[in-house]
Amino acid sequence: MAKRVVSVSLGASRRDSVAEVELLGEKVVLERRGTDGDFQKALRLIAELDGQVDAIGLGGIDLYLWAGGRRYTIRDARRLKEAAKRTPVVDGSGLKHTLERRAVAELSVLIDWKNTKVLLPSAVDRFGLAEALAEAGARVLYGDFIFALGLPIPLYSLSFLQKLAYVLLPVLTQLPFQLLYPTGEKQERRVVDWRSRYYAWADLVAGDWHYLRRHMPDDMRGKSVLTNTTTKEDVDFLRERGVKRLITTTPRLGGRSFGTNVMEALLVALAGRELGEEEYLRYIDLLGLRPQVLDLQEEA
């Protein structure tokens, strides 16, 4: 009998999908269910799925934000996790920390990081990726103040961002999540404004797809995008803007790449329990998870 993994997302329901995969001799059904930003609906759905599925992923919301070695729990996300008493609930942060860090190293044969300017709109959402980019020698613009708080303060120092995060994250994680991140229909709405100019500076933009898409200008000619969950529609969106290369850190299944929360829930379902960082790395190797590279203009 197939294992079942469901991602309960605060994102749009029109991005829902189902895929069946066979990994390590086991069949797993992966399902995404969007709640269009309805927090109460997400709570009810998790409670209904509890004990009925092998693992639940939290989509469209982070359970944890990171700064250096410190982890901060988002209050609203904790409520969602606690709605399940028996089934493990994960948000993808364990996999982001490992898979995305490793992806940067593997992409060094394709990308000369030392001569690449990278825009990372939210580093606290992907601190492992932020650290890996800094270690690889890329010039990174950490856009947390710009994109999360709407303040025109570009940061180029990871250690300075980390110090600010130590001060701000204990406060920010107590706020309603929709103040920090677009949910439901807001994920579909583009806002091309003063923030969009930072894309022009970058050679590569990296991070959460909804964050990247929200302020992406029409002209992205010759640039690369490093992200996670993309549908065929998203790929067309990038191609129309002249994006040269799309790199997804999770494999493409049924024409789309699934979010890190889905892939982390998949690994938890296979293992039958929540995993630590070393165990995630072991599964990444066992499954041969590698960044997927699409040359968009060659295919046009």
Protein backbone atom coordinates (compact mmCIF):
# COMPACT_ATOMS: atom_id res chain seq x y z
CA MET A 1 0.00 0.00 0.00
CA ALA A 2 1.33 3.43 -1.00
CA LYS A 3 2.46 5.90 1.63
CA ARG A 4 0.65 9.24 1.54
CA VAL A 5 2.12 12.69 2.01
CA VAL A 6 0.00 15.84 1.99
CA SER A 7 1.26 19.41 1.88
CA VAL A 8 -1.26 21.76 3.48
CA SER A 9 -0.50 25.18 2.05
CA LEU A 10 -1.68 28.69 2.85
CA GLY A 11 -1.12 29.35 -0.85
CA ALA A 12 -3.57 29.31 -3.74
CA SER A 13 -5.64 26.17 -4.27
CA ARG A 14 -5.28 26.49 -8.04
CA ARG A 15 -1.69 25.26 -7.69
CA ASP A 16 -2.91 21.95 -6.20
CA SER A 17 -1.46 18.76 -7.63
CA VAL A 18 -1.04 15.05 -7.02
CA ALA A 19 1.87 12.86 -8.08
CA GLU A 20 2.80 9.25 -7.38
CA VAL A 21 6.46 8.30 -7.17
CA GLU A 22 8.34 5.13 -6.39
CA LEU A 23 11.42 5.60 -4.23
CA LEU A 24 13.57 3.04 -2.43
CA GLY A 25 11.07 0.34 -3.40
CA GLU A 26 8.08 2.19 -1.91
CA LYS A 27 5.20 3.94 -3.65
CA VAL A 28 4.39 7.38 -2.27
CA VAL A 29 1.48 9.63 -3.23
CA LEU A 30 2.40 13.32 -2.92
CA GLU A 31 -0.48 15.77 -2.69
CA ARG A 32 -0.64 19.54 -2.33
CA ARG A 33 -3.77 21.23 -0.95
CA GLY A 34 -3.96 25.01 -0.89
CA THR A 35 -6.30 26.85 1.48
CA ASP A 36 -6.18 30.27 -0.27
CA GLY A 37 -4.75 31.99 2.80
CA ASP A 38 -7.49 30.69 5.12
CA PHE A 39 -5.64 29.89 8.35
CA GLN A 40 -8.65 28.26 10.06
CA LYS A 41 -9.23 26.03 7.04
CA ALA A 42 -5.57 24.93 7.20
CA LEU A 43 -5.95 24.13 10.92
CA ARG A 44 -9.05 22.01 10.24
CA LEU A 45 -7.45 20.20 7.32
CA ILE A 46 -4.36 19.25 9.34
CA ALA A 47 -6.57 17.97 12.17
CA GLU A 48 -8.57 15.89 9.64
CA LEU A 49 -5.43 14.42 8.07
CA ASP A 50 -3.84 13.62 11.44
CA GLY A 51 -3.41 9.85 11.73
CA GLN A 52 -4.73 9.35 8.16
CA VAL A 53 -1.49 10.12 6.27
CA ASP A 54 2.20 9.31 6.80
CA ALA A 55 3.50 12.89 6.92
CA ILE A 56 2.20 16.44 6.52
CA GLY A 57 4.13 19.33 4.98
CA LEU A 58 3.43 22.97 5.85
CA GLY A 59 3.36 25.04 2.67
CA GLY A 60 3.24 28.80 2.31
CA ILE A 61 4.45 29.27 5.89
CA ASP A 62 7.69 28.63 7.75
CA LEU A 63 7.71 26.86 11.08
CA TYR A 64 11.22 28.09 11.82
CA LEU A 65 13.38 31.06 10.84
CA TRP A 66 17.13 30.78 11.34
CA ALA A 67 20.02 33.08 12.09
CA GLY A 68 23.37 31.37 12.48
CA GLY A 69 22.86 28.45 14.82
CA ARG A 70 19.73 29.90 16.43
CA ARG A 71 16.23 28.78 15.49
CA TYR A 72 13.10 30.89 16.04
CA THR A 73 9.60 29.41 15.88
CA ILE A 74 6.82 31.34 14.12
CA ARG A 75 3.85 31.42 16.48
CA ASP A 76 1.14 30.85 13.82
CA ALA A 77 3.05 27.92 12.32
CA ARG A 78 3.40 26.27 15.73
CA ARG A 79 -0.41 26.32 16.00
CA LEU A 80 -0.65 24.47 12.68
CA LYS A 81 1.93 21.88 13.72
CA GLU A 82 0.16 21.29 17.03
CA ALA A 83 -3.13 20.58 15.20
CA ALA A 84 -1.67 17.14 14.42
CA LYS A 85 -1.17 14.86 17.42
CA ARG A 86 0.01 11.68 15.65
CA THR A 87 1.30 12.51 12.15
CA PRO A 88 4.70 14.25 11.80
CA VAL A 89 4.41 17.84 10.49
CA VAL A 90 7.44 19.44 8.79
CA ASP A 91 8.01 22.76 7.00
CA GLY A 92 11.00 21.93 4.80
CA SER A 93 13.55 23.86 6.87
CA GLY A 94 15.60 20.73 7.61
CA LEU A 95 15.89 19.99 3.92
CA LYS A 96 16.53 23.62 2.97
CA HIS A 97 19.43 23.65 5.40
CA THR A 98 21.01 20.60 3.75
CA LEU A 99 19.78 20.30 0.16
CA GLU A 100 20.15 23.96 -0.77
CA ARG A 101 23.55 24.29 0.90
CA ARG A 102 24.76 21.28 -1.07
CA ALA A 103 23.20 22.60 -4.30
CA VAL A 104 25.44 25.68 -4.20
CA ALA A 105 28.55 23.48 -4.05
CA GLU A 106 27.33 21.26 -6.88
CA LEU A 107 26.47 24.24 -9.07
CA SER A 108 30.03 25.60 -8.84
CA VAL A 109 30.89 23.63 -12.01
CA LEU A 110 28.21 25.65 -13.83
CA ILE A 111 28.35 28.99 -12.01
CA ASP A 112 31.45 31.03 -11.15
CA TRP A 113 30.15 32.16 -7.77
CA LYS A 114 33.06 34.54 -7.13
CA ASN A 115 31.97 36.60 -10.14
CA THR A 116 28.22 36.34 -9.56
CA LYS A 117 25.95 38.92 -7.94
CA VAL A 118 23.07 37.21 -6.12
CA LEU A 119 19.82 38.70 -4.83
CA LEU A 120 18.43 36.67 -1.92
CA PRO A 121 15.17 38.41 -0.92
CA SER A 122 14.88 36.51 2.38
CA ALA A 123 17.94 35.07 4.08
CA VAL A 124 16.23 34.16 7.39
CA ASP A 125 13.92 31.86 5.40
CA ARG A 126 16.94 30.13 3.84
CA PHE A 127 19.93 30.68 6.10
CA GLY A 128 21.70 27.53 4.89
CA LEU A 129 21.53 28.86 1.32
CA ALA A 130 22.68 32.31 2.51
CA GLU A 131 25.70 30.82 4.29
CA ALA A 132 26.59 28.58 1.34
CA LEU A 133 26.49 31.51 -1.10
CA ALA A 134 28.70 33.59 1.20
CA GLU A 135 31.15 30.69 1.61
CA ALA A 136 31.27 30.20 -2.19
CA GLY A 137 32.39 33.82 -2.56
CA ALA A 138 29.30 35.24 -4.28
CA ARG A 139 28.44 38.92 -3.79
CA VAL A 140 25.05 38.60 -2.10
CA LEU A 141 22.42 41.23 -1.47
CA TYR A 142 20.33 40.03 1.50
CA GLY A 143 16.93 41.60 0.94
CA ASP A 144 15.17 40.86 4.24
CA PHE A 145 14.64 44.54 5.11
CA ILE A 146 13.60 45.40 1.54
CA PHE A 147 11.15 42.59 0.82
CA ALA A 148 9.81 41.58 4.25
CA LEU A 149 9.71 45.00 5.95
CA GLY A 150 9.50 47.37 2.96
CA LEU A 151 12.58 49.34 4.03
CA PRO A 152 15.11 50.41 1.35
CA ILE A 153 18.09 48.96 3.25
CA PRO A 154 20.16 46.52 1.16
CA LEU A 155 22.52 44.40 3.28
CA TYR A 156 25.69 42.83 1.89
CA SER A 157 27.14 41.37 5.10
CA LEU A 158 25.82 38.06 6.37
CA SER A 159 27.35 38.56 9.82
CA PHE A 160 25.63 41.96 10.13
CA LEU A 161 22.32 40.44 9.01
CA GLN A 162 22.78 37.71 11.60
CA LYS A 163 23.26 40.26 14.40
CA LEU A 164 20.13 42.15 13.31
CA ALA A 165 18.20 38.89 13.12
CA TYR A 166 19.12 38.03 16.72
CA VAL A 167 17.41 41.28 17.75
CA LEU A 168 14.41 41.25 15.39
CA LEU A 169 13.37 37.61 14.97
CA PRO A 170 12.10 37.09 18.55
CA VAL A 171 9.63 39.92 17.83
CA LEU A 172 8.79 39.22 14.17
CA THR A 173 7.99 35.54 14.76
CA GLN A 174 5.16 36.58 17.12
CA LEU A 175 3.38 38.60 14.41
CA PRO A 176 0.53 37.20 12.28
CA PHE A 177 2.27 35.35 9.46
CA GLN A 178 0.47 37.16 6.62
CA LEU A 179 2.28 40.35 7.62
CA LEU A 180 5.60 38.66 6.81
CA TYR A 181 4.77 36.60 3.74
CA PRO A 182 2.16 36.67 0.93
CA THR A 183 -0.58 34.05 1.40
CA GLY A 184 -3.56 32.99 -0.73
CA GLU A 185 -4.38 35.35 -3.60
CA LYS A 186 -1.58 37.73 -2.60
CA GLN A 187 0.87 35.09 -3.86
CA GLU A 188 -0.54 35.55 -7.36
CA ARG A 189 -0.36 39.35 -7.34
CA ARG A 190 2.75 41.00 -8.72
CA VAL A 191 3.89 44.33 -7.32
CA VAL A 192 6.49 45.85 -9.64
CA ASP A 193 7.74 48.85 -7.67
CA TRP A 194 10.95 50.34 -6.27
CA ARG A 195 11.98 46.91 -4.96
CA SER A 196 12.14 45.54 -8.49
CA ARG A 197 15.29 47.55 -9.26
CA TYR A 198 17.37 45.20 -7.10
CA TYR A 199 16.71 42.43 -9.64
CA ALA A 200 18.48 44.52 -12.31
CA TRP A 201 21.63 44.55 -10.14
CA ALA A 202 21.75 40.76 -9.81
CA ASP A 203 23.04 38.06 -12.15
CA LEU A 204 21.10 35.42 -10.24
CA VAL A 205 18.07 35.65 -7.94
CA ALA A 206 17.57 32.93 -5.36
CA GLY A 207 15.05 31.82 -2.76
CA ASP A 208 11.35 31.19 -2.29
CA TRP A 209 9.43 31.26 -5.61
CA HIS A 210 6.53 33.44 -4.40
CA TYR A 211 8.94 35.95 -2.92
CA LEU A 212 10.91 36.07 -6.18
CA ARG A 213 7.89 36.32 -8.47
CA ARG A 214 6.07 39.01 -6.46
CA HIS A 215 8.47 41.86 -7.33
CA MET A 216 10.08 40.44 -10.48
CA PRO A 217 10.35 43.02 -13.28
CA ASP A 218 9.37 42.26 -16.88
CA ASP A 219 12.98 42.40 -18.10
CA MET A 220 15.04 39.53 -16.69
CA ARG A 221 17.13 38.93 -19.81
CA GLY A 222 20.20 36.78 -19.30
CA LYS A 223 19.59 36.20 -15.59
CA SER A 224 19.38 32.90 -13.69
CA VAL A 225 16.79 31.91 -11.08
CA LEU A 226 17.52 29.43 -8.26
CA THR A 227 14.34 28.37 -6.48
CA ASN A 228 12.18 25.44 -5.43
CA THR A 229 8.52 25.01 -6.43
CA THR A 230 7.67 25.85 -10.04
CA THR A 231 4.77 24.79 -12.24
CA LYS A 232 4.74 24.79 -16.06
CA GLU A 233 2.98 28.17 -15.84
CA ASP A 234 5.84 29.53 -13.70
CA VAL A 235 8.41 28.27 -16.21
CA ASP A 236 6.52 30.06 -19.02
CA PHE A 237 6.41 33.23 -16.87
CA LEU A 238 10.21 33.15 -16.52
CA ARG A 239 10.79 32.36 -20.19
CA GLU A 240 8.64 35.34 -21.25
CA ARG A 241 10.83 37.63 -19.15
CA GLY A 242 14.01 36.41 -20.84
CA VAL A 243 15.35 34.38 -17.90
CA LYS A 244 18.26 32.36 -19.22
CA ARG A 245 18.34 29.51 -16.72
CA LEU A 246 16.02 28.05 -14.09
CA ILE A 247 17.59 25.90 -11.37
CA THR A 248 15.30 24.05 -8.97
CA THR A 249 16.76 22.44 -5.86
CA THR A 250 14.11 19.71 -5.79
CA PRO A 251 13.45 17.22 -8.63
CA ARG A 252 10.69 17.74 -11.18
CA LEU A 253 7.81 15.28 -10.85
CA GLY A 254 4.90 15.40 -13.29
CA GLY A 255 6.08 18.68 -14.86
CA ARG A 256 6.68 20.61 -11.65
CA SER A 257 9.16 20.76 -8.82
CA PHE A 258 7.61 20.25 -5.40
CA GLY A 259 8.39 22.45 -2.41
CA THR A 260 10.98 21.55 0.18
CA ASN A 261 8.17 20.94 2.69
CA VAL A 262 6.75 18.20 0.42
CA MET A 263 10.15 16.61 -0.16
CA GLU A 264 10.98 16.73 3.56
CA ALA A 265 7.60 15.14 4.38
CA LEU A 266 8.36 12.49 1.74
CA LEU A 267 11.64 11.58 3.48
CA VAL A 268 9.92 11.53 6.89
CA ALA A 269 7.24 9.20 5.46
CA LEU A 270 9.90 6.86 4.06
CA ALA A 271 11.81 6.85 7.36
CA GLY A 272 8.68 6.60 9.52
CA ARG A 273 9.91 9.40 11.82
CA GLU A 274 11.32 12.93 11.87
CA LEU A 275 14.98 13.16 10.84
CA GLY A 276 18.13 15.02 11.83
CA GLU A 277 20.50 16.88 9.49
CA GLU A 278 22.90 13.96 8.95
CA GLU A 279 19.97 11.67 8.11
CA TYR A 280 18.63 14.15 5.56
CA LEU A 281 22.04 14.15 3.88
CA ARG A 282 22.02 10.35 3.79
CA TYR A 283 18.60 10.30 2.10
CA ILE A 284 19.65 13.03 -0.35
CA ASP A 285 22.51 10.72 -1.40
CA LEU A 286 20.34 7.58 -1.44
CA LEU A 287 17.74 9.23 -3.67
CA GLY A 288 20.28 11.05 -5.80
CA LEU A 289 18.59 14.41 -5.27
CA ARG A 290 20.40 16.96 -7.44
CA PRO A 291 19.62 20.48 -8.64
CA GLN A 292 17.63 20.44 -11.88
CA VAL A 293 18.82 22.91 -14.54
CA LEU A 294 16.53 24.14 -17.33
CA ASP A 295 18.02 26.31 -20.10
CA LEU A 296 14.88 28.31 -20.85
CA GLN A 297 15.92 30.23 -23.94
CA GLU A 298 17.34 27.17 -25.72
CA GLU A 299 13.97 25.47 -25.35
CA ALA A 300 11.97 28.48 -26.49
